[in-house]
Amino acid sequence: MKKLLLLAALVPVLWFGGRALLRFLASDEAKIRSRITAAAAAFEAASVSGVLEAFAEDYRDSTSGADRDALRTALLYLLLVRKDGVRYRVECGEPRITLAPSAEQAGAEWPLTLLVRRGDEPEHEQWKLGVAAELRHGDDGWVFVRSRHETVSGARPR
């Protein structure tokens, strides 16, 4: 019985420890991809703070001029304030990542699609864009410091 209890106690430790070790050993490219997909998942979960974790305090989008505070305000509106039955979801294509020689900065480019569903209507594409971002590696891992985007089709939500 003691061996069974010891095994039951070790399994979660090994599980979480193994996952932490895998994250630690992952390549910078894998960590950046993970940061992008985690931000998209946080968006879908309507977690404004989860999305903002991916953005540096001094973040700026050069296309719109938006900073981190403006991004927070837009996310609050889109994900939490709108009460008209609209749900948003994002799809991120495979990012192309380039690391700077210092390994403390990187660039990433990927297609992003914003999908919308109103009430019981089928989901449809609202805005498709190409995103290019500069990232910096810091204490919180890889974060976006600059970005720009180009509309491929559709329009941003109003």
N, C-alpha and C. Protein backbone atom coordinates (compact mmCIF):
# COMPACT_ATOMS: atom_id res chain seq x y z
N MET A 1 0.82 -1.20 0.00
CA MET A 1 0.00 0.00 0.00
C MET A 1 0.86 1.25 0.00
N LYS A 2 1.97 1.23 0.76
CA LYS A 2 2.86 2.40 0.82
C LYS A 2 3.50 2.65 -0.55
N LYS A 3 3.84 1.57 -1.25
CA LYS A 3 4.43 1.72 -2.57
C LYS A 3 3.43 2.34 -3.54
N LEU A 4 2.18 1.95 -3.43
CA LEU A 4 1.14 2.50 -4.29
C LEU A 4 0.94 3.99 -4.02
N LEU A 5 0.94 4.37 -2.76
CA LEU A 5 0.80 5.78 -2.40
C LEU A 5 2.01 6.59 -2.88
N LEU A 6 3.20 6.01 -2.74
CA LEU A 6 4.41 6.69 -3.21
C LEU A 6 4.37 6.86 -4.73
N LEU A 7 3.94 5.84 -5.43
CA LEU A 7 3.82 5.92 -6.89
C LEU A 7 2.79 6.97 -7.27
N ALA A 8 1.66 7.01 -6.58
CA ALA A 8 0.62 8.00 -6.86
C ALA A 8 1.13 9.42 -6.61
N ALA A 9 2.00 9.59 -5.64
CA ALA A 9 2.57 10.91 -5.36
C ALA A 9 3.64 11.29 -6.39
N LEU A 10 4.36 10.31 -6.90
CA LEU A 10 5.44 10.58 -7.85
C LEU A 10 4.95 10.89 -9.25
N VAL A 11 3.84 10.32 -9.65
CA VAL A 11 3.35 10.51 -11.02
C VAL A 11 3.13 11.99 -11.35
N PRO A 12 2.42 12.77 -10.52
CA PRO A 12 2.25 14.20 -10.87
C PRO A 12 3.58 14.96 -10.87
N VAL A 13 4.47 14.61 -9.95
CA VAL A 13 5.77 15.27 -9.90
C VAL A 13 6.55 15.00 -11.19
N LEU A 14 6.57 13.76 -11.62
CA LEU A 14 7.26 13.41 -12.86
C LEU A 14 6.59 14.06 -14.06
N TRP A 15 5.27 14.10 -14.08
CA TRP A 15 4.54 14.70 -15.20
C TRP A 15 4.89 16.18 -15.34
N PHE A 16 4.71 16.94 -14.25
CA PHE A 16 4.96 18.39 -14.31
C PHE A 16 6.45 18.69 -14.46
N GLY A 17 7.29 17.92 -13.82
CA GLY A 17 8.73 18.11 -13.96
C GLY A 17 9.20 17.82 -15.38
N GLY A 18 8.67 16.78 -15.98
CA GLY A 18 9.03 16.44 -17.35
C GLY A 18 8.58 17.50 -18.34
N ARG A 19 7.37 18.02 -18.13
CA ARG A 19 6.88 19.10 -19.00
C ARG A 19 7.73 20.35 -18.86
N ALA A 20 8.11 20.69 -17.64
CA ALA A 20 8.95 21.87 -17.43
C ALA A 20 10.32 21.67 -18.08
N LEU A 21 10.87 20.48 -17.98
CA LEU A 21 12.16 20.19 -18.61
C LEU A 21 12.06 20.30 -20.14
N LEU A 22 10.99 19.80 -20.71
CA LEU A 22 10.80 19.89 -22.16
C LEU A 22 10.68 21.35 -22.60
N ARG A 23 9.96 22.17 -21.83
CA ARG A 23 9.86 23.59 -22.17
C ARG A 23 11.21 24.27 -22.08
N PHE A 24 11.99 23.91 -21.07
CA PHE A 24 13.31 24.50 -20.88
C PHE A 24 14.24 24.14 -22.03
N LEU A 25 14.16 22.92 -22.51
CA LEU A 25 15.05 22.43 -23.57
C LEU A 25 14.56 22.77 -24.98
N ALA A 26 13.36 23.29 -25.09
CA ALA A 26 12.80 23.60 -26.42
C ALA A 26 13.63 24.69 -27.09
N SER A 27 13.66 24.65 -28.41
CA SER A 27 14.39 25.67 -29.18
C SER A 27 13.66 27.01 -29.06
N ASP A 28 14.38 28.08 -29.36
CA ASP A 28 13.76 29.41 -29.35
C ASP A 28 12.62 29.48 -30.36
N GLU A 29 12.80 28.85 -31.51
CA GLU A 29 11.72 28.85 -32.51
C GLU A 29 10.47 28.18 -31.95
N ALA A 30 10.63 27.07 -31.27
CA ALA A 30 9.49 26.37 -30.67
C ALA A 30 8.84 27.23 -29.58
N LYS A 31 9.64 27.94 -28.81
CA LYS A 31 9.09 28.81 -27.76
C LYS A 31 8.30 29.97 -28.36
N ILE A 32 8.79 30.51 -29.47
CA ILE A 32 8.07 31.60 -30.13
C ILE A 32 6.76 31.09 -30.72
N ARG A 33 6.79 29.93 -31.38
CA ARG A 33 5.56 29.34 -31.90
C ARG A 33 4.55 29.10 -30.77
N SER A 34 5.06 28.61 -29.66
CA SER A 34 4.20 28.36 -28.51
C SER A 34 3.60 29.66 -27.98
N ARG A 35 4.36 30.74 -27.99
CA ARG A 35 3.87 32.04 -27.52
C ARG A 35 2.73 32.52 -28.41
N ILE A 36 2.90 32.35 -29.73
CA ILE A 36 1.86 32.77 -30.67
C ILE A 36 0.60 31.95 -30.48
N THR A 37 0.73 30.64 -30.38
CA THR A 37 -0.47 29.79 -30.23
C THR A 37 -1.12 30.00 -28.86
N ALA A 38 -0.32 30.27 -27.83
CA ALA A 38 -0.89 30.54 -26.50
C ALA A 38 -1.69 31.84 -26.50
N ALA A 39 -1.19 32.86 -27.20
CA ALA A 39 -1.93 34.12 -27.29
C ALA A 39 -3.25 33.91 -28.04
N ALA A 40 -3.22 33.11 -29.11
CA ALA A 40 -4.44 32.82 -29.86
C ALA A 40 -5.44 32.04 -28.99
N ALA A 41 -4.94 31.09 -28.23
CA ALA A 41 -5.81 30.31 -27.34
C ALA A 41 -6.41 31.20 -26.25
N ALA A 42 -5.62 32.13 -25.72
CA ALA A 42 -6.13 33.06 -24.71
C ALA A 42 -7.21 33.95 -25.31
N PHE A 43 -7.03 34.38 -26.55
CA PHE A 43 -8.04 35.18 -27.23
C PHE A 43 -9.34 34.40 -27.32
N GLU A 44 -9.26 33.15 -27.74
CA GLU A 44 -10.46 32.33 -27.87
C GLU A 44 -11.13 32.07 -26.53
N ALA A 45 -10.32 32.06 -25.46
CA ALA A 45 -10.87 31.85 -24.13
C ALA A 45 -11.33 33.17 -23.50
N ALA A 46 -11.27 34.25 -24.26
CA ALA A 46 -11.65 35.59 -23.80
C ALA A 46 -10.83 36.02 -22.58
N SER A 47 -9.56 35.65 -22.57
CA SER A 47 -8.65 36.01 -21.48
C SER A 47 -7.77 37.18 -21.92
N VAL A 48 -8.21 38.38 -21.60
CA VAL A 48 -7.46 39.57 -21.98
C VAL A 48 -6.06 39.52 -21.38
N SER A 49 -5.94 39.17 -20.12
CA SER A 49 -4.63 39.11 -19.47
C SER A 49 -3.77 38.02 -20.11
N GLY A 50 -4.38 36.93 -20.52
CA GLY A 50 -3.63 35.86 -21.18
C GLY A 50 -3.04 36.31 -22.51
N VAL A 51 -3.81 37.10 -23.26
CA VAL A 51 -3.29 37.63 -24.53
C VAL A 51 -2.16 38.62 -24.24
N LEU A 52 -2.38 39.51 -23.28
CA LEU A 52 -1.40 40.57 -23.01
C LEU A 52 -0.07 40.04 -22.47
N GLU A 53 -0.05 38.83 -21.93
CA GLU A 53 1.21 38.23 -21.47
C GLU A 53 2.23 38.14 -22.60
N ALA A 54 1.76 38.07 -23.84
CA ALA A 54 2.66 37.92 -24.98
C ALA A 54 3.24 39.26 -25.45
N PHE A 55 2.80 40.36 -24.86
CA PHE A 55 3.20 41.69 -25.33
C PHE A 55 4.01 42.43 -24.27
N ALA A 56 5.13 43.01 -24.71
CA ALA A 56 5.99 43.79 -23.81
C ALA A 56 5.26 45.06 -23.38
N GLU A 57 5.68 45.61 -22.25
CA GLU A 57 5.09 46.86 -21.76
C GLU A 57 5.26 47.99 -22.77
N ASP A 58 6.35 47.98 -23.52
CA ASP A 58 6.61 49.05 -24.50
C ASP A 58 6.19 48.67 -25.91
N TYR A 59 5.28 47.70 -26.04
CA TYR A 59 4.81 47.24 -27.35
C TYR A 59 4.19 48.38 -28.15
N ARG A 60 4.38 48.32 -29.47
CA ARG A 60 3.78 49.29 -30.39
C ARG A 60 3.53 48.62 -31.74
N ASP A 61 2.33 48.83 -32.30
CA ASP A 61 2.03 48.37 -33.65
C ASP A 61 2.25 49.55 -34.59
N SER A 62 3.16 49.39 -35.53
CA SER A 62 3.50 50.51 -36.41
C SER A 62 2.42 50.80 -37.45
N THR A 63 1.58 49.84 -37.78
CA THR A 63 0.53 50.07 -38.77
C THR A 63 -0.57 50.96 -38.20
N SER A 64 -1.03 50.64 -37.02
CA SER A 64 -2.15 51.38 -36.42
C SER A 64 -1.70 52.43 -35.41
N GLY A 65 -0.47 52.30 -34.92
CA GLY A 65 0.00 53.20 -33.87
C GLY A 65 -0.42 52.75 -32.48
N ALA A 66 -1.10 51.62 -32.39
CA ALA A 66 -1.60 51.15 -31.10
C ALA A 66 -0.46 50.70 -30.20
N ASP A 67 -0.60 51.00 -28.91
CA ASP A 67 0.34 50.50 -27.92
C ASP A 67 -0.35 49.41 -27.10
N ARG A 68 0.30 48.94 -26.06
CA ARG A 68 -0.25 47.84 -25.25
C ARG A 68 -1.56 48.24 -24.59
N ASP A 69 -1.67 49.48 -24.13
CA ASP A 69 -2.92 49.94 -23.50
C ASP A 69 -4.07 49.98 -24.51
N ALA A 70 -3.79 50.43 -25.72
CA ALA A 70 -4.83 50.45 -26.75
C ALA A 70 -5.24 49.03 -27.11
N LEU A 71 -4.27 48.12 -27.16
CA LEU A 71 -4.58 46.72 -27.42
C LEU A 71 -5.46 46.15 -26.31
N ARG A 72 -5.14 46.45 -25.07
CA ARG A 72 -5.95 46.00 -23.93
C ARG A 72 -7.39 46.51 -24.04
N THR A 73 -7.54 47.79 -24.38
CA THR A 73 -8.87 48.36 -24.52
C THR A 73 -9.66 47.68 -25.63
N ALA A 74 -9.01 47.43 -26.78
CA ALA A 74 -9.68 46.76 -27.89
C ALA A 74 -10.08 45.34 -27.50
N LEU A 75 -9.20 44.63 -26.81
CA LEU A 75 -9.51 43.27 -26.38
C LEU A 75 -10.67 43.25 -25.39
N LEU A 76 -10.67 44.19 -24.44
CA LEU A 76 -11.78 44.26 -23.48
C LEU A 76 -13.10 44.46 -24.20
N TYR A 77 -13.11 45.33 -25.19
CA TYR A 77 -14.34 45.58 -25.94
C TYR A 77 -14.77 44.34 -26.72
N LEU A 78 -13.84 43.78 -27.49
CA LEU A 78 -14.19 42.64 -28.35
C LEU A 78 -14.59 41.41 -27.55
N LEU A 79 -13.86 41.14 -26.48
CA LEU A 79 -14.04 39.87 -25.79
C LEU A 79 -14.99 39.92 -24.60
N LEU A 80 -15.13 41.10 -23.98
CA LEU A 80 -15.90 41.13 -22.75
C LEU A 80 -17.09 42.08 -22.76
N VAL A 81 -17.00 43.19 -23.46
CA VAL A 81 -18.05 44.19 -23.40
C VAL A 81 -19.18 43.92 -24.36
N ARG A 82 -18.86 43.49 -25.57
CA ARG A 82 -19.91 43.26 -26.57
C ARG A 82 -20.90 42.23 -26.08
N LYS A 83 -22.15 42.59 -26.09
CA LYS A 83 -23.19 41.69 -25.59
C LYS A 83 -24.19 41.32 -26.68
N ASP A 84 -23.80 41.49 -27.93
CA ASP A 84 -24.75 41.27 -29.02
C ASP A 84 -24.65 39.88 -29.64
N GLY A 85 -24.14 38.91 -28.88
CA GLY A 85 -24.08 37.54 -29.37
C GLY A 85 -22.97 37.27 -30.36
N VAL A 86 -21.99 38.15 -30.45
CA VAL A 86 -20.88 37.97 -31.38
C VAL A 86 -19.74 37.26 -30.67
N ARG A 87 -19.22 36.22 -31.32
CA ARG A 87 -18.06 35.49 -30.79
C ARG A 87 -16.96 35.53 -31.84
N TYR A 88 -15.74 35.79 -31.39
CA TYR A 88 -14.59 35.84 -32.28
C TYR A 88 -13.67 34.67 -32.01
N ARG A 89 -12.97 34.26 -33.06
CA ARG A 89 -11.96 33.22 -32.95
C ARG A 89 -10.86 33.58 -33.93
N VAL A 90 -9.62 33.23 -33.59
CA VAL A 90 -8.50 33.50 -34.50
C VAL A 90 -7.87 32.19 -34.93
N GLU A 91 -7.40 32.19 -36.16
CA GLU A 91 -6.59 31.09 -36.68
C GLU A 91 -5.26 31.67 -37.10
N CYS A 92 -4.19 31.09 -36.60
CA CYS A 92 -2.84 31.53 -36.95
C CYS A 92 -2.21 30.49 -37.86
N GLY A 93 -1.67 30.96 -38.97
CA GLY A 93 -0.93 30.07 -39.85
C GLY A 93 0.45 29.81 -39.28
N GLU A 94 1.19 28.97 -39.93
CA GLU A 94 2.54 28.61 -39.49
C GLU A 94 3.46 29.83 -39.58
N PRO A 95 4.07 30.23 -38.46
CA PRO A 95 4.97 31.39 -38.51
C PRO A 95 6.33 31.06 -39.11
N ARG A 96 6.87 32.03 -39.82
CA ARG A 96 8.25 31.95 -40.30
C ARG A 96 9.07 32.79 -39.32
N ILE A 97 10.03 32.16 -38.66
CA ILE A 97 10.77 32.79 -37.57
C ILE A 97 12.22 32.97 -37.97
N THR A 98 12.76 34.15 -37.67
CA THR A 98 14.18 34.43 -37.89
C THR A 98 14.76 34.94 -36.58
N LEU A 99 15.82 34.28 -36.14
CA LEU A 99 16.49 34.68 -34.91
C LEU A 99 17.66 35.59 -35.23
N ALA A 100 17.83 36.63 -34.41
CA ALA A 100 19.00 37.51 -34.53
C ALA A 100 20.21 36.75 -34.00
N PRO A 101 21.41 37.10 -34.46
CA PRO A 101 22.62 36.42 -33.98
C PRO A 101 22.77 36.44 -32.46
N SER A 102 22.25 37.48 -31.82
CA SER A 102 22.37 37.57 -30.36
C SER A 102 21.46 36.59 -29.64
N ALA A 103 20.47 36.04 -30.35
CA ALA A 103 19.47 35.12 -29.79
C ALA A 103 18.61 35.79 -28.73
N GLU A 104 18.66 37.10 -28.63
CA GLU A 104 17.80 37.84 -27.69
C GLU A 104 16.68 38.56 -28.43
N GLN A 105 16.76 38.58 -29.77
CA GLN A 105 15.73 39.21 -30.59
C GLN A 105 15.38 38.26 -31.73
N ALA A 106 14.15 38.41 -32.18
CA ALA A 106 13.70 37.55 -33.28
C ALA A 106 12.62 38.27 -34.07
N GLY A 107 12.36 37.75 -35.24
CA GLY A 107 11.26 38.22 -36.06
C GLY A 107 10.36 37.05 -36.40
N ALA A 108 9.10 37.34 -36.60
CA ALA A 108 8.15 36.29 -36.98
C ALA A 108 7.12 36.89 -37.93
N GLU A 109 6.74 36.11 -38.92
CA GLU A 109 5.70 36.51 -39.87
C GLU A 109 4.73 35.34 -40.00
N TRP A 110 3.45 35.65 -40.00
CA TRP A 110 2.46 34.60 -40.15
C TRP A 110 1.12 35.19 -40.59
N PRO A 111 0.31 34.36 -41.26
CA PRO A 111 -1.05 34.80 -41.60
C PRO A 111 -1.96 34.61 -40.39
N LEU A 112 -2.88 35.54 -40.23
CA LEU A 112 -3.83 35.47 -39.12
C LEU A 112 -5.22 35.73 -39.68
N THR A 113 -6.17 34.95 -39.26
CA THR A 113 -7.55 35.11 -39.72
C THR A 113 -8.46 35.27 -38.51
N LEU A 114 -9.26 36.33 -38.53
CA LEU A 114 -10.26 36.56 -37.49
C LEU A 114 -11.59 36.06 -38.01
N LEU A 115 -12.16 35.11 -37.29
CA LEU A 115 -13.46 34.53 -37.65
C LEU A 115 -14.51 35.04 -36.69
N VAL A 116 -15.72 35.20 -37.18
CA VAL A 116 -16.79 35.74 -36.35
C VAL A 116 -18.03 34.86 -36.48
N ARG A 117 -18.77 34.77 -35.39
CA ARG A 117 -20.05 34.06 -35.38
C ARG A 117 -21.05 34.96 -34.65
N ARG A 118 -22.16 35.20 -35.29
CA ARG A 118 -23.22 36.00 -34.67
C ARG A 118 -24.39 35.06 -34.37
N GLY A 119 -24.68 34.91 -33.10
CA GLY A 119 -25.79 34.06 -32.70
C GLY A 119 -25.65 32.65 -33.23
N ASP A 120 -26.67 32.18 -33.95
CA ASP A 120 -26.67 30.83 -34.49
C ASP A 120 -26.15 30.76 -35.93
N GLU A 121 -25.72 31.89 -36.47
CA GLU A 121 -25.20 31.90 -37.84
C GLU A 121 -23.91 31.09 -37.91
N PRO A 122 -23.58 30.58 -39.09
CA PRO A 122 -22.30 29.88 -39.23
C PRO A 122 -21.13 30.86 -39.09
N GLU A 123 -20.03 30.34 -38.63
CA GLU A 123 -18.82 31.14 -38.49
C GLU A 123 -18.30 31.54 -39.88
N HIS A 124 -17.81 32.78 -39.99
CA HIS A 124 -17.25 33.21 -41.28
C HIS A 124 -16.04 34.12 -41.04
N GLU A 125 -15.24 34.23 -42.07
CA GLU A 125 -14.03 35.04 -42.00
C GLU A 125 -14.40 36.52 -42.04
N GLN A 126 -13.90 37.29 -41.08
CA GLN A 126 -14.14 38.72 -41.08
C GLN A 126 -12.92 39.50 -41.56
N TRP A 127 -11.74 39.04 -41.13
CA TRP A 127 -10.53 39.81 -41.44
C TRP A 127 -9.37 38.85 -41.57
N LYS A 128 -8.70 38.91 -42.70
CA LYS A 128 -7.52 38.09 -42.93
C LYS A 128 -6.35 39.06 -43.12
N LEU A 129 -5.27 38.81 -42.41
CA LEU A 129 -4.14 39.71 -42.50
C LEU A 129 -2.82 38.96 -42.40
N GLY A 130 -1.79 39.63 -42.85
CA GLY A 130 -0.43 39.15 -42.68
C GLY A 130 0.20 39.94 -41.54
N VAL A 131 0.77 39.25 -40.59
CA VAL A 131 1.37 39.88 -39.42
C VAL A 131 2.88 39.69 -39.46
N ALA A 132 3.60 40.75 -39.15
CA ALA A 132 5.05 40.67 -38.97
C ALA A 132 5.36 41.28 -37.62
N ALA A 133 6.15 40.59 -36.83
CA ALA A 133 6.42 41.05 -35.46
C ALA A 133 7.89 40.92 -35.11
N GLU A 134 8.32 41.81 -34.25
CA GLU A 134 9.65 41.72 -33.64
C GLU A 134 9.44 41.27 -32.20
N LEU A 135 10.28 40.34 -31.77
CA LEU A 135 10.18 39.82 -30.41
C LEU A 135 11.49 40.03 -29.68
N ARG A 136 11.37 40.07 -28.37
CA ARG A 136 12.54 40.21 -27.50
C ARG A 136 12.45 39.12 -26.43
N HIS A 137 13.60 38.55 -26.11
CA HIS A 137 13.64 37.54 -25.05
C HIS A 137 14.02 38.22 -23.74
N GLY A 138 13.20 38.01 -22.74
CA GLY A 138 13.45 38.61 -21.43
C GLY A 138 13.11 37.65 -20.31
N ASP A 139 12.90 38.20 -19.15
CA ASP A 139 12.59 37.39 -17.97
C ASP A 139 11.30 36.58 -18.13
N ASP A 140 10.36 37.09 -18.91
CA ASP A 140 9.08 36.41 -19.13
C ASP A 140 9.05 35.61 -20.42
N GLY A 141 10.23 35.32 -20.95
CA GLY A 141 10.30 34.58 -22.21
C GLY A 141 10.22 35.53 -23.38
N TRP A 142 9.76 35.03 -24.51
CA TRP A 142 9.65 35.83 -25.73
C TRP A 142 8.39 36.67 -25.68
N VAL A 143 8.53 37.98 -25.95
CA VAL A 143 7.37 38.89 -25.99
C VAL A 143 7.44 39.75 -27.24
N PHE A 144 6.28 40.15 -27.72
CA PHE A 144 6.19 41.03 -28.88
C PHE A 144 6.53 42.45 -28.46
N VAL A 145 7.42 43.10 -29.21
CA VAL A 145 7.75 44.50 -28.93
C VAL A 145 7.27 45.42 -30.04
N ARG A 146 7.24 44.94 -31.26
CA ARG A 146 6.77 45.71 -32.40
C ARG A 146 6.01 44.77 -33.34
N SER A 147 5.06 45.35 -34.04
CA SER A 147 4.36 44.56 -35.07
C SER A 147 3.86 45.50 -36.15
N ARG A 148 3.51 44.89 -37.24
CA ARG A 148 2.82 45.59 -38.31
C ARG A 148 1.94 44.54 -38.99
N HIS A 149 0.92 45.01 -39.65
CA HIS A 149 0.04 44.08 -40.33
C HIS A 149 -0.45 44.67 -41.63
N GLU A 150 -0.84 43.78 -42.53
CA GLU A 150 -1.37 44.16 -43.82
C GLU A 150 -2.65 43.38 -44.05
N THR A 151 -3.71 44.09 -44.36
CA THR A 151 -4.99 43.44 -44.62
C THR A 151 -4.93 42.71 -45.95
N VAL A 152 -5.29 41.44 -45.92
CA VAL A 152 -5.37 40.63 -47.14
C VAL A 152 -6.79 40.65 -47.67
N SER A 153 -7.76 40.53 -46.76
CA SER A 153 -9.16 40.59 -47.14
C SER A 153 -10.00 40.95 -45.91
N GLY A 154 -11.22 41.40 -46.16
CA GLY A 154 -12.12 41.76 -45.07
C GLY A 154 -11.74 43.06 -44.40
N ALA A 155 -12.23 43.23 -43.17
CA ALA A 155 -12.00 44.45 -42.41
C ALA A 155 -11.99 44.15 -40.93
N ARG A 156 -11.27 44.96 -40.18
CA ARG A 156 -11.22 44.77 -38.73
C ARG A 156 -12.60 45.03 -38.10
N PRO A 157 -12.84 44.45 -36.95
CA PRO A 157 -14.13 44.66 -36.28
C PRO A 157 -14.28 46.12 -35.84
N ARG A 158 -15.48 46.58 -35.80
CA ARG A 158 -15.76 47.96 -35.37
C ARG A 158 -16.51 47.96 -34.06
